[in-house]
Amino acid sequence: MPMAHLRTALAGALLGLALAWSPAPAADTLLIDGLDAAAETATDRPRRGMSMAAVERAFGEPLARTPAVGQPPITRWEYPEFIVYFEYEVVLHAAVKREQR
């Protein structure tokens, strides 16, 4: 019996040393280009839930309209500063255009 207790104690001590010497948990920071610009212009873009008619009244005629694809149908309208995605005839998302590099 004393040998079993010795093995258990030794295993516990080794585990404690391994945990003490292991590197601390770390986290990475993800930086996304243009995130600040997107936040600043959020009020200058269509809001989720707006109708196509409301978007056109508020922002005018889009530069381009892409026909609906998929099910549910997703339509895309392109404006100079942003792109609007519709599901059926309701705004799903409005994204700021990326700067060309």
C-alpha atoms as a PDB file:
ATOM      1  CA  MET A   1       0.000   0.000   0.000  1.00  0.00           C
ATOM      2  CA  PRO A   2       2.688   2.568   0.729  1.00  0.00           C
ATOM      3  CA  MET A   3       3.934   2.158  -2.879  1.00  0.00           C
ATOM      4  CA  ALA A   4       0.454   3.019  -4.302  1.00  0.00           C
ATOM      5  CA  HIS A   5       0.297   6.179  -2.174  1.00  0.00           C
ATOM      6  CA  LEU A   6       3.780   7.119  -3.326  1.00  0.00           C
ATOM      7  CA  ARG A   7       2.778   6.729  -6.987  1.00  0.00           C
ATOM      8  CA  THR A   8      -0.344   8.842  -6.465  1.00  0.00           C
ATOM      9  CA  ALA A   9       1.638  11.543  -4.689  1.00  0.00           C
ATOM     10  CA  LEU A  10       4.313  11.517  -7.393  1.00  0.00           C
ATOM     11  CA  ALA A  11       1.707  11.721 -10.169  1.00  0.00           C
ATOM     12  CA  GLY A  12       0.023  14.651  -8.406  1.00  0.00           C
ATOM     13  CA  ALA A  13       3.330  16.460  -7.978  1.00  0.00           C
ATOM     14  CA  LEU A  14       4.229  15.966 -11.654  1.00  0.00           C
ATOM     15  CA  LEU A  15       0.826  17.209 -12.757  1.00  0.00           C
ATOM     16  CA  GLY A  16       1.203  20.277 -10.545  1.00  0.00           C
ATOM     17  CA  LEU A  17       4.625  21.043 -12.025  1.00  0.00           C
ATOM     18  CA  ALA A  18       3.339  20.585 -15.569  1.00  0.00           C
ATOM     19  CA  LEU A  19       0.465  22.996 -14.948  1.00  0.00           C
ATOM     20  CA  ALA A  20       2.719  25.521 -13.234  1.00  0.00           C
ATOM     21  CA  TRP A  21       5.169  25.570 -16.148  1.00  0.00           C
ATOM     22  CA  SER A  22       2.584  25.603 -18.934  1.00  0.00           C
ATOM     23  CA  PRO A  23       2.153  28.925 -20.720  1.00  0.00           C
ATOM     24  CA  ALA A  24      -0.705  31.111 -19.563  1.00  0.00           C
ATOM     25  CA  PRO A  25      -3.792  31.155 -21.771  1.00  0.00           C
ATOM     26  CA  ALA A  26      -3.544  33.869 -24.393  1.00  0.00           C
ATOM     27  CA  ALA A  27      -6.008  35.558 -26.687  1.00  0.00           C
ATOM     28  CA  ASP A  28      -5.451  37.076 -30.085  1.00  0.00           C
ATOM     29  CA  THR A  29      -6.832  40.441 -31.078  1.00  0.00           C
ATOM     30  CA  LEU A  30      -8.458  40.638 -34.481  1.00  0.00           C
ATOM     31  CA  LEU A  31      -8.173  44.016 -36.165  1.00  0.00           C
ATOM     32  CA  ILE A  32     -10.519  44.630 -39.038  1.00  0.00           C
ATOM     33  CA  ASP A  33      -9.689  47.395 -41.489  1.00  0.00           C
ATOM     34  CA  GLY A  34     -12.508  49.833 -41.989  1.00  0.00           C
ATOM     35  CA  LEU A  35     -14.500  48.836 -38.919  1.00  0.00           C
ATOM     36  CA  ASP A  36     -14.373  52.379 -37.535  1.00  0.00           C
ATOM     37  CA  ALA A  37     -15.431  53.796 -40.882  1.00  0.00           C
ATOM     38  CA  ALA A  38     -18.380  51.413 -40.994  1.00  0.00           C
ATOM     39  CA  ALA A  39     -19.513  52.478 -37.521  1.00  0.00           C
ATOM     40  CA  GLU A  40     -19.219  56.166 -38.390  1.00  0.00           C
ATOM     41  CA  THR A  41     -21.401  55.808 -41.487  1.00  0.00           C
ATOM     42  CA  ALA A  42     -23.984  53.458 -39.983  1.00  0.00           C
ATOM     43  CA  THR A  43     -26.556  56.257 -39.884  1.00  0.00           C
ATOM     44  CA  ASP A  44     -25.881  57.039 -43.565  1.00  0.00           C
ATOM     45  CA  ARG A  45     -26.987  53.592 -44.744  1.00  0.00           C
ATOM     46  CA  PRO A  46     -30.341  51.799 -44.918  1.00  0.00           C
ATOM     47  CA  ARG A  47     -31.421  50.061 -41.735  1.00  0.00           C
ATOM     48  CA  ARG A  48     -32.426  46.437 -41.456  1.00  0.00           C
ATOM     49  CA  GLY A  49     -36.129  46.023 -42.134  1.00  0.00           C
ATOM     50  CA  MET A  50     -36.549  48.970 -44.524  1.00  0.00           C
ATOM     51  CA  SER A  51     -38.493  48.247 -47.689  1.00  0.00           C
ATOM     52  CA  MET A  52     -37.044  48.616 -51.190  1.00  0.00           C
ATOM     53  CA  ALA A  53     -39.368  51.566 -51.758  1.00  0.00           C
ATOM     54  CA  ALA A  54     -38.188  53.277 -48.548  1.00  0.00           C
ATOM     55  CA  VAL A  55     -34.528  52.756 -49.496  1.00  0.00           C
ATOM     56  CA  GLU A  56     -35.113  54.220 -52.945  1.00  0.00           C
ATOM     57  CA  ARG A  57     -36.976  57.217 -51.470  1.00  0.00           C
ATOM     58  CA  ALA A  58     -34.233  57.874 -48.913  1.00  0.00           C
ATOM     59  CA  PHE A  59     -31.121  57.149 -51.019  1.00  0.00           C
ATOM     60  CA  GLY A  60     -32.273  57.501 -54.605  1.00  0.00           C
ATOM     61  CA  GLU A  61     -31.785  55.230 -57.584  1.00  0.00           C
ATOM     62  CA  PRO A  62     -28.987  52.659 -57.066  1.00  0.00           C
ATOM     63  CA  LEU A  63     -26.027  52.544 -59.466  1.00  0.00           C
ATOM     64  CA  ALA A  64     -26.805  48.880 -60.172  1.00  0.00           C
ATOM     65  CA  ARG A  65     -29.420  46.292 -59.259  1.00  0.00           C
ATOM     66  CA  THR A  66     -28.549  42.598 -59.198  1.00  0.00           C
ATOM     67  CA  PRO A  67     -31.517  40.281 -59.804  1.00  0.00           C
ATOM     68  CA  ALA A  68     -32.689  38.059 -56.954  1.00  0.00           C
ATOM     69  CA  VAL A  69     -30.952  34.699 -56.521  1.00  0.00           C
ATOM     70  CA  GLY A  70     -31.598  31.709 -54.271  1.00  0.00           C
ATOM     71  CA  GLN A  71     -34.369  30.838 -51.915  1.00  0.00           C
ATOM     72  CA  PRO A  72     -35.232  33.012 -50.085  1.00  0.00           C
ATOM     73  CA  PRO A  73     -34.493  35.444 -52.908  1.00  0.00           C
ATOM     74  CA  ILE A  74     -31.587  37.790 -52.121  1.00  0.00           C
ATOM     75  CA  THR A  75     -31.300  40.992 -54.169  1.00  0.00           C
ATOM     76  CA  ARG A  76     -28.356  43.401 -54.149  1.00  0.00           C
ATOM     77  CA  TRP A  77     -28.418  47.128 -54.869  1.00  0.00           C
ATOM     78  CA  GLU A  78     -25.164  49.032 -55.278  1.00  0.00           C
ATOM     79  CA  TYR A  79     -24.748  52.646 -54.201  1.00  0.00           C
ATOM     80  CA  PRO A  80     -21.543  54.736 -54.378  1.00  0.00           C
ATOM     81  CA  GLU A  81     -20.636  54.190 -50.697  1.00  0.00           C
ATOM     82  CA  PHE A  82     -22.440  50.968 -49.747  1.00  0.00           C
ATOM     83  CA  ILE A  83     -24.211  47.859 -50.986  1.00  0.00           C
ATOM     84  CA  VAL A  84     -27.684  46.906 -49.771  1.00  0.00           C
ATOM     85  CA  TYR A  85     -28.799  43.268 -49.541  1.00  0.00           C
ATOM     86  CA  PHE A  86     -32.518  42.512 -49.532  1.00  0.00           C
ATOM     87  CA  GLU A  87     -34.367  39.342 -48.606  1.00  0.00           C
ATOM     88  CA  TYR A  88     -37.568  39.456 -50.608  1.00  0.00           C
ATOM     89  CA  GLU A  89     -38.183  43.248 -50.515  1.00  0.00           C
ATOM     90  CA  VAL A  90     -36.788  44.003 -47.053  1.00  0.00           C
ATOM     91  CA  VAL A  91     -33.265  45.179 -46.136  1.00  0.00           C
ATOM     92  CA  LEU A  92     -31.240  42.348 -44.686  1.00  0.00           C
ATOM     93  CA  HIS A  93     -27.912  44.211 -44.475  1.00  0.00           C
ATOM     94  CA  ALA A  94     -26.162  47.323 -45.802  1.00  0.00           C
ATOM     95  CA  ALA A  95     -22.378  47.035 -46.085  1.00  0.00           C
ATOM     96  CA  VAL A  96     -19.822  49.792 -46.620  1.00  0.00           C
ATOM     97  CA  LYS A  97     -17.773  49.286 -49.785  1.00  0.00           C
ATOM     98  CA  ARG A  98     -14.135  48.405 -49.303  1.00  0.00           C
ATOM     99  CA  GLU A  99     -11.536  50.880 -50.419  1.00  0.00           C
ATOM    100  CA  GLN A 100      -9.605  49.731 -53.494  1.00  0.00           C
ATOM    101  CA  ARG A 101      -5.939  49.143 -52.694  1.00  0.00           C
END
